[in-house]
Amino acid sequence: MRFPNVPFRAASLVDLGVNDGSATAILSWYSVIHLAPTELQSVLVEFARCIAPGGSLLLGFFEGDTVEPFAHAVTTAYFWPIGKMSAKLEIAGFQVDSVHTRTDPGKRPHAAIIAHRTDV
């Protein structure tokens, strides 16, 4: 095991199974790409519940001009415009700190948002 002293756990995105404010950060690297648009907000609210005020979220996803489904290797995934994803994060209690994008030839556009939990 590469990081034997780092605790990991498996949980549902809608119930991470930790106390309020008990996490200093959450890495959600393509973890929400398969959620239907109607399911995303509740997951972002759950992330905010778990992260202490000032704590960070790194969210990776596929970027697109509109919220749009596409065929993915496992099941349907969704493109999200950065502005719409940022707005959903703000509604959930985050402030966007930075946005990073990447488009490689022949690949889907990628985006990452770094945000911190506001004191709500």
C-alpha atoms as a PDB file:
ATOM      1  CA  MET A   1       0.000   0.000   0.000  1.00  0.00           C
ATOM      2  CA  ARG A   2       1.453   3.316  -1.063  1.00  0.00           C
ATOM      3  CA  PHE A   3      -0.028   5.465   1.775  1.00  0.00           C
ATOM      4  CA  PRO A   4      -0.529   3.108   4.742  1.00  0.00           C
ATOM      5  CA  ASN A   5      -1.203   5.887   7.285  1.00  0.00           C
ATOM      6  CA  VAL A   6      -3.923   7.667   5.310  1.00  0.00           C
ATOM      7  CA  PRO A   7      -7.427   6.515   6.240  1.00  0.00           C
ATOM      8  CA  PHE A   8      -9.822   5.779   3.383  1.00  0.00           C
ATOM      9  CA  ARG A   9     -13.480   4.852   3.533  1.00  0.00           C
ATOM     10  CA  ALA A  10     -16.231   3.859   1.154  1.00  0.00           C
ATOM     11  CA  ALA A  11     -19.565   5.655   1.450  1.00  0.00           C
ATOM     12  CA  SER A  12     -22.492   6.930  -0.554  1.00  0.00           C
ATOM     13  CA  LEU A  13     -22.125  10.409  -2.057  1.00  0.00           C
ATOM     14  CA  VAL A  14     -25.449  11.410  -0.490  1.00  0.00           C
ATOM     15  CA  ASP A  15     -24.329  10.262   2.979  1.00  0.00           C
ATOM     16  CA  LEU A  16     -20.587  10.293   3.556  1.00  0.00           C
ATOM     17  CA  GLY A  17     -21.088   8.928   7.075  1.00  0.00           C
ATOM     18  CA  VAL A  18     -18.937  11.481   8.901  1.00  0.00           C
ATOM     19  CA  ASN A  19     -19.729  14.177  11.458  1.00  0.00           C
ATOM     20  CA  ASP A  20     -20.551  17.732  10.418  1.00  0.00           C
ATOM     21  CA  GLY A  21     -17.401  19.741   9.714  1.00  0.00           C
ATOM     22  CA  SER A  22     -15.110  16.796  10.402  1.00  0.00           C
ATOM     23  CA  ALA A  23     -13.200  16.931   7.100  1.00  0.00           C
ATOM     24  CA  THR A  24     -10.606  19.523   6.208  1.00  0.00           C
ATOM     25  CA  ALA A  25     -10.925  18.692   2.509  1.00  0.00           C
ATOM     26  CA  ILE A  26     -12.702  16.474   0.001  1.00  0.00           C
ATOM     27  CA  LEU A  27     -11.259  15.314  -3.295  1.00  0.00           C
ATOM     28  CA  SER A  28     -14.064  14.580  -5.733  1.00  0.00           C
ATOM     29  CA  TRP A  29     -12.119  13.686  -8.843  1.00  0.00           C
ATOM     30  CA  TYR A  30     -14.729  12.695 -11.425  1.00  0.00           C
ATOM     31  CA  SER A  31     -16.851  11.281  -8.599  1.00  0.00           C
ATOM     32  CA  VAL A  32     -20.002  13.172  -9.606  1.00  0.00           C
ATOM     33  CA  ILE A  33     -19.882  12.789 -13.402  1.00  0.00           C
ATOM     34  CA  HIS A  34     -22.533  10.050 -13.463  1.00  0.00           C
ATOM     35  CA  LEU A  35     -25.042  11.872 -11.257  1.00  0.00           C
ATOM     36  CA  ALA A  36     -28.166  13.089 -12.979  1.00  0.00           C
ATOM     37  CA  PRO A  37     -28.398  16.889 -12.849  1.00  0.00           C
ATOM     38  CA  THR A  38     -31.284  16.576 -10.369  1.00  0.00           C
ATOM     39  CA  GLU A  39     -29.029  14.642  -7.961  1.00  0.00           C
ATOM     40  CA  LEU A  40     -25.946  16.864  -8.004  1.00  0.00           C
ATOM     41  CA  GLN A  41     -27.070  19.624  -5.605  1.00  0.00           C
ATOM     42  CA  SER A  42     -27.782  17.266  -2.702  1.00  0.00           C
ATOM     43  CA  VAL A  43     -24.312  15.730  -3.062  1.00  0.00           C
ATOM     44  CA  LEU A  44     -22.626  19.143  -3.039  1.00  0.00           C
ATOM     45  CA  VAL A  45     -24.636  20.050   0.081  1.00  0.00           C
ATOM     46  CA  GLU A  46     -23.408  16.817   1.682  1.00  0.00           C
ATOM     47  CA  PHE A  47     -19.813  17.742   0.823  1.00  0.00           C
ATOM     48  CA  ALA A  48     -20.343  21.159   2.443  1.00  0.00           C
ATOM     49  CA  ARG A  49     -21.872  19.558   5.551  1.00  0.00           C
ATOM     50  CA  CYS A  50     -18.805  17.375   6.004  1.00  0.00           C
ATOM     51  CA  ILE A  51     -16.149  20.033   5.380  1.00  0.00           C
ATOM     52  CA  ALA A  52     -15.242  22.438   8.177  1.00  0.00           C
ATOM     53  CA  PRO A  53     -15.629  26.162   7.382  1.00  0.00           C
ATOM     54  CA  GLY A  54     -12.556  27.216   5.421  1.00  0.00           C
ATOM     55  CA  GLY A  55     -11.905  23.642   4.298  1.00  0.00           C
ATOM     56  CA  SER A  56     -11.367  22.803   0.652  1.00  0.00           C
ATOM     57  CA  LEU A  57     -13.056  20.907  -2.143  1.00  0.00           C
ATOM     58  CA  LEU A  58     -11.325  19.870  -5.357  1.00  0.00           C
ATOM     59  CA  LEU A  59     -13.945  18.859  -7.912  1.00  0.00           C
ATOM     60  CA  GLY A  60     -12.984  17.348 -11.277  1.00  0.00           C
ATOM     61  CA  PHE A  61     -15.550  16.915 -14.078  1.00  0.00           C
ATOM     62  CA  PHE A  62     -16.106  17.038 -17.828  1.00  0.00           C
ATOM     63  CA  GLU A  63     -16.671  20.564 -19.083  1.00  0.00           C
ATOM     64  CA  GLY A  64     -19.182  21.495 -21.775  1.00  0.00           C
ATOM     65  CA  ASP A  65     -21.218  24.410 -23.065  1.00  0.00           C
ATOM     66  CA  THR A  66     -24.449  22.973 -21.626  1.00  0.00           C
ATOM     67  CA  VAL A  67     -25.452  20.364 -19.061  1.00  0.00           C
ATOM     68  CA  GLU A  68     -25.589  17.444 -21.420  1.00  0.00           C
ATOM     69  CA  PRO A  69     -25.490  13.654 -21.089  1.00  0.00           C
ATOM     70  CA  PHE A  70     -23.082  11.545 -23.104  1.00  0.00           C
ATOM     71  CA  ALA A  71     -22.260   7.842 -23.373  1.00  0.00           C
ATOM     72  CA  HIS A  72     -19.410   6.870 -21.053  1.00  0.00           C
ATOM     73  CA  ALA A  73     -17.643   3.564 -20.549  1.00  0.00           C
ATOM     74  CA  VAL A  74     -19.639   2.685 -17.422  1.00  0.00           C
ATOM     75  CA  THR A  75     -22.935   4.527 -17.698  1.00  0.00           C
ATOM     76  CA  THR A  76     -24.229   7.914 -18.813  1.00  0.00           C
ATOM     77  CA  ALA A  77     -22.063  10.833 -17.730  1.00  0.00           C
ATOM     78  CA  TYR A  78     -22.659  14.580 -17.969  1.00  0.00           C
ATOM     79  CA  PHE A  79     -20.859  17.626 -19.257  1.00  0.00           C
ATOM     80  CA  TRP A  80     -21.201  20.710 -17.039  1.00  0.00           C
ATOM     81  CA  PRO A  81     -20.503  24.355 -17.881  1.00  0.00           C
ATOM     82  CA  ILE A  82     -18.073  25.857 -15.395  1.00  0.00           C
ATOM     83  CA  GLY A  83     -20.488  28.696 -14.582  1.00  0.00           C
ATOM     84  CA  LYS A  84     -23.348  26.329 -13.750  1.00  0.00           C
ATOM     85  CA  MET A  85     -21.124  24.062 -11.637  1.00  0.00           C
ATOM     86  CA  SER A  86     -19.731  27.112  -9.826  1.00  0.00           C
ATOM     87  CA  ALA A  87     -23.265  28.375  -9.127  1.00  0.00           C
ATOM     88  CA  LYS A  88     -24.265  25.002  -7.676  1.00  0.00           C
ATOM     89  CA  LEU A  89     -21.181  25.038  -5.454  1.00  0.00           C
ATOM     90  CA  GLU A  90     -22.029  28.533  -4.196  1.00  0.00           C
ATOM     91  CA  ILE A  91     -25.611  27.487  -3.408  1.00  0.00           C
ATOM     92  CA  ALA A  92     -24.196  24.551  -1.418  1.00  0.00           C
ATOM     93  CA  GLY A  93     -21.998  26.844   0.695  1.00  0.00           C
ATOM     94  CA  PHE A  94     -18.709  27.069  -1.192  1.00  0.00           C
ATOM     95  CA  GLN A  95     -16.748  29.961  -2.613  1.00  0.00           C
ATOM     96  CA  VAL A  96     -14.879  29.198  -5.835  1.00  0.00           C
ATOM     97  CA  ASP A  97     -11.175  29.975  -5.529  1.00  0.00           C
ATOM     98  CA  SER A  98      -9.881  28.850  -8.911  1.00  0.00           C
ATOM     99  CA  VAL A  99     -10.874  27.050 -12.079  1.00  0.00           C
ATOM    100  CA  HIS A 100      -8.592  24.977 -14.275  1.00  0.00           C
ATOM    101  CA  THR A 101      -9.422  23.600 -17.707  1.00  0.00           C
ATOM    102  CA  ARG A 102      -7.701  21.254 -20.097  1.00  0.00           C
ATOM    103  CA  THR A 103      -8.549  20.103 -23.582  1.00  0.00           C
ATOM    104  CA  ASP A 104      -6.329  17.488 -25.162  1.00  0.00           C
ATOM    105  CA  PRO A 105      -6.669  16.692 -28.880  1.00  0.00           C
ATOM    106  CA  GLY A 106      -9.265  13.958 -29.404  1.00  0.00           C
ATOM    107  CA  LYS A 107     -10.324  13.974 -25.729  1.00  0.00           C
ATOM    108  CA  ARG A 108     -13.256  15.411 -23.796  1.00  0.00           C
ATOM    109  CA  PRO A 109     -12.697  18.829 -22.179  1.00  0.00           C
ATOM    110  CA  HIS A 110     -11.825  18.605 -18.490  1.00  0.00           C
ATOM    111  CA  ALA A 111     -12.369  21.102 -15.690  1.00  0.00           C
ATOM    112  CA  ALA A 112     -11.390  21.310 -12.060  1.00  0.00           C
ATOM    113  CA  ILE A 113     -12.706  23.734  -9.483  1.00  0.00           C
ATOM    114  CA  ILE A 114     -10.993  24.450  -6.201  1.00  0.00           C
ATOM    115  CA  ALA A 115     -13.405  25.936  -3.680  1.00  0.00           C
ATOM    116  CA  HIS A 116     -13.521  26.491   0.033  1.00  0.00           C
ATOM    117  CA  ARG A 117     -16.398  26.053   2.458  1.00  0.00           C
ATOM    118  CA  THR A 118     -17.793  29.346   3.629  1.00  0.00           C
ATOM    119  CA  ASP A 119     -18.969  29.862   7.173  1.00  0.00           C
ATOM    120  CA  VAL A 120     -22.732  29.434   6.715  1.00  0.00           C
END
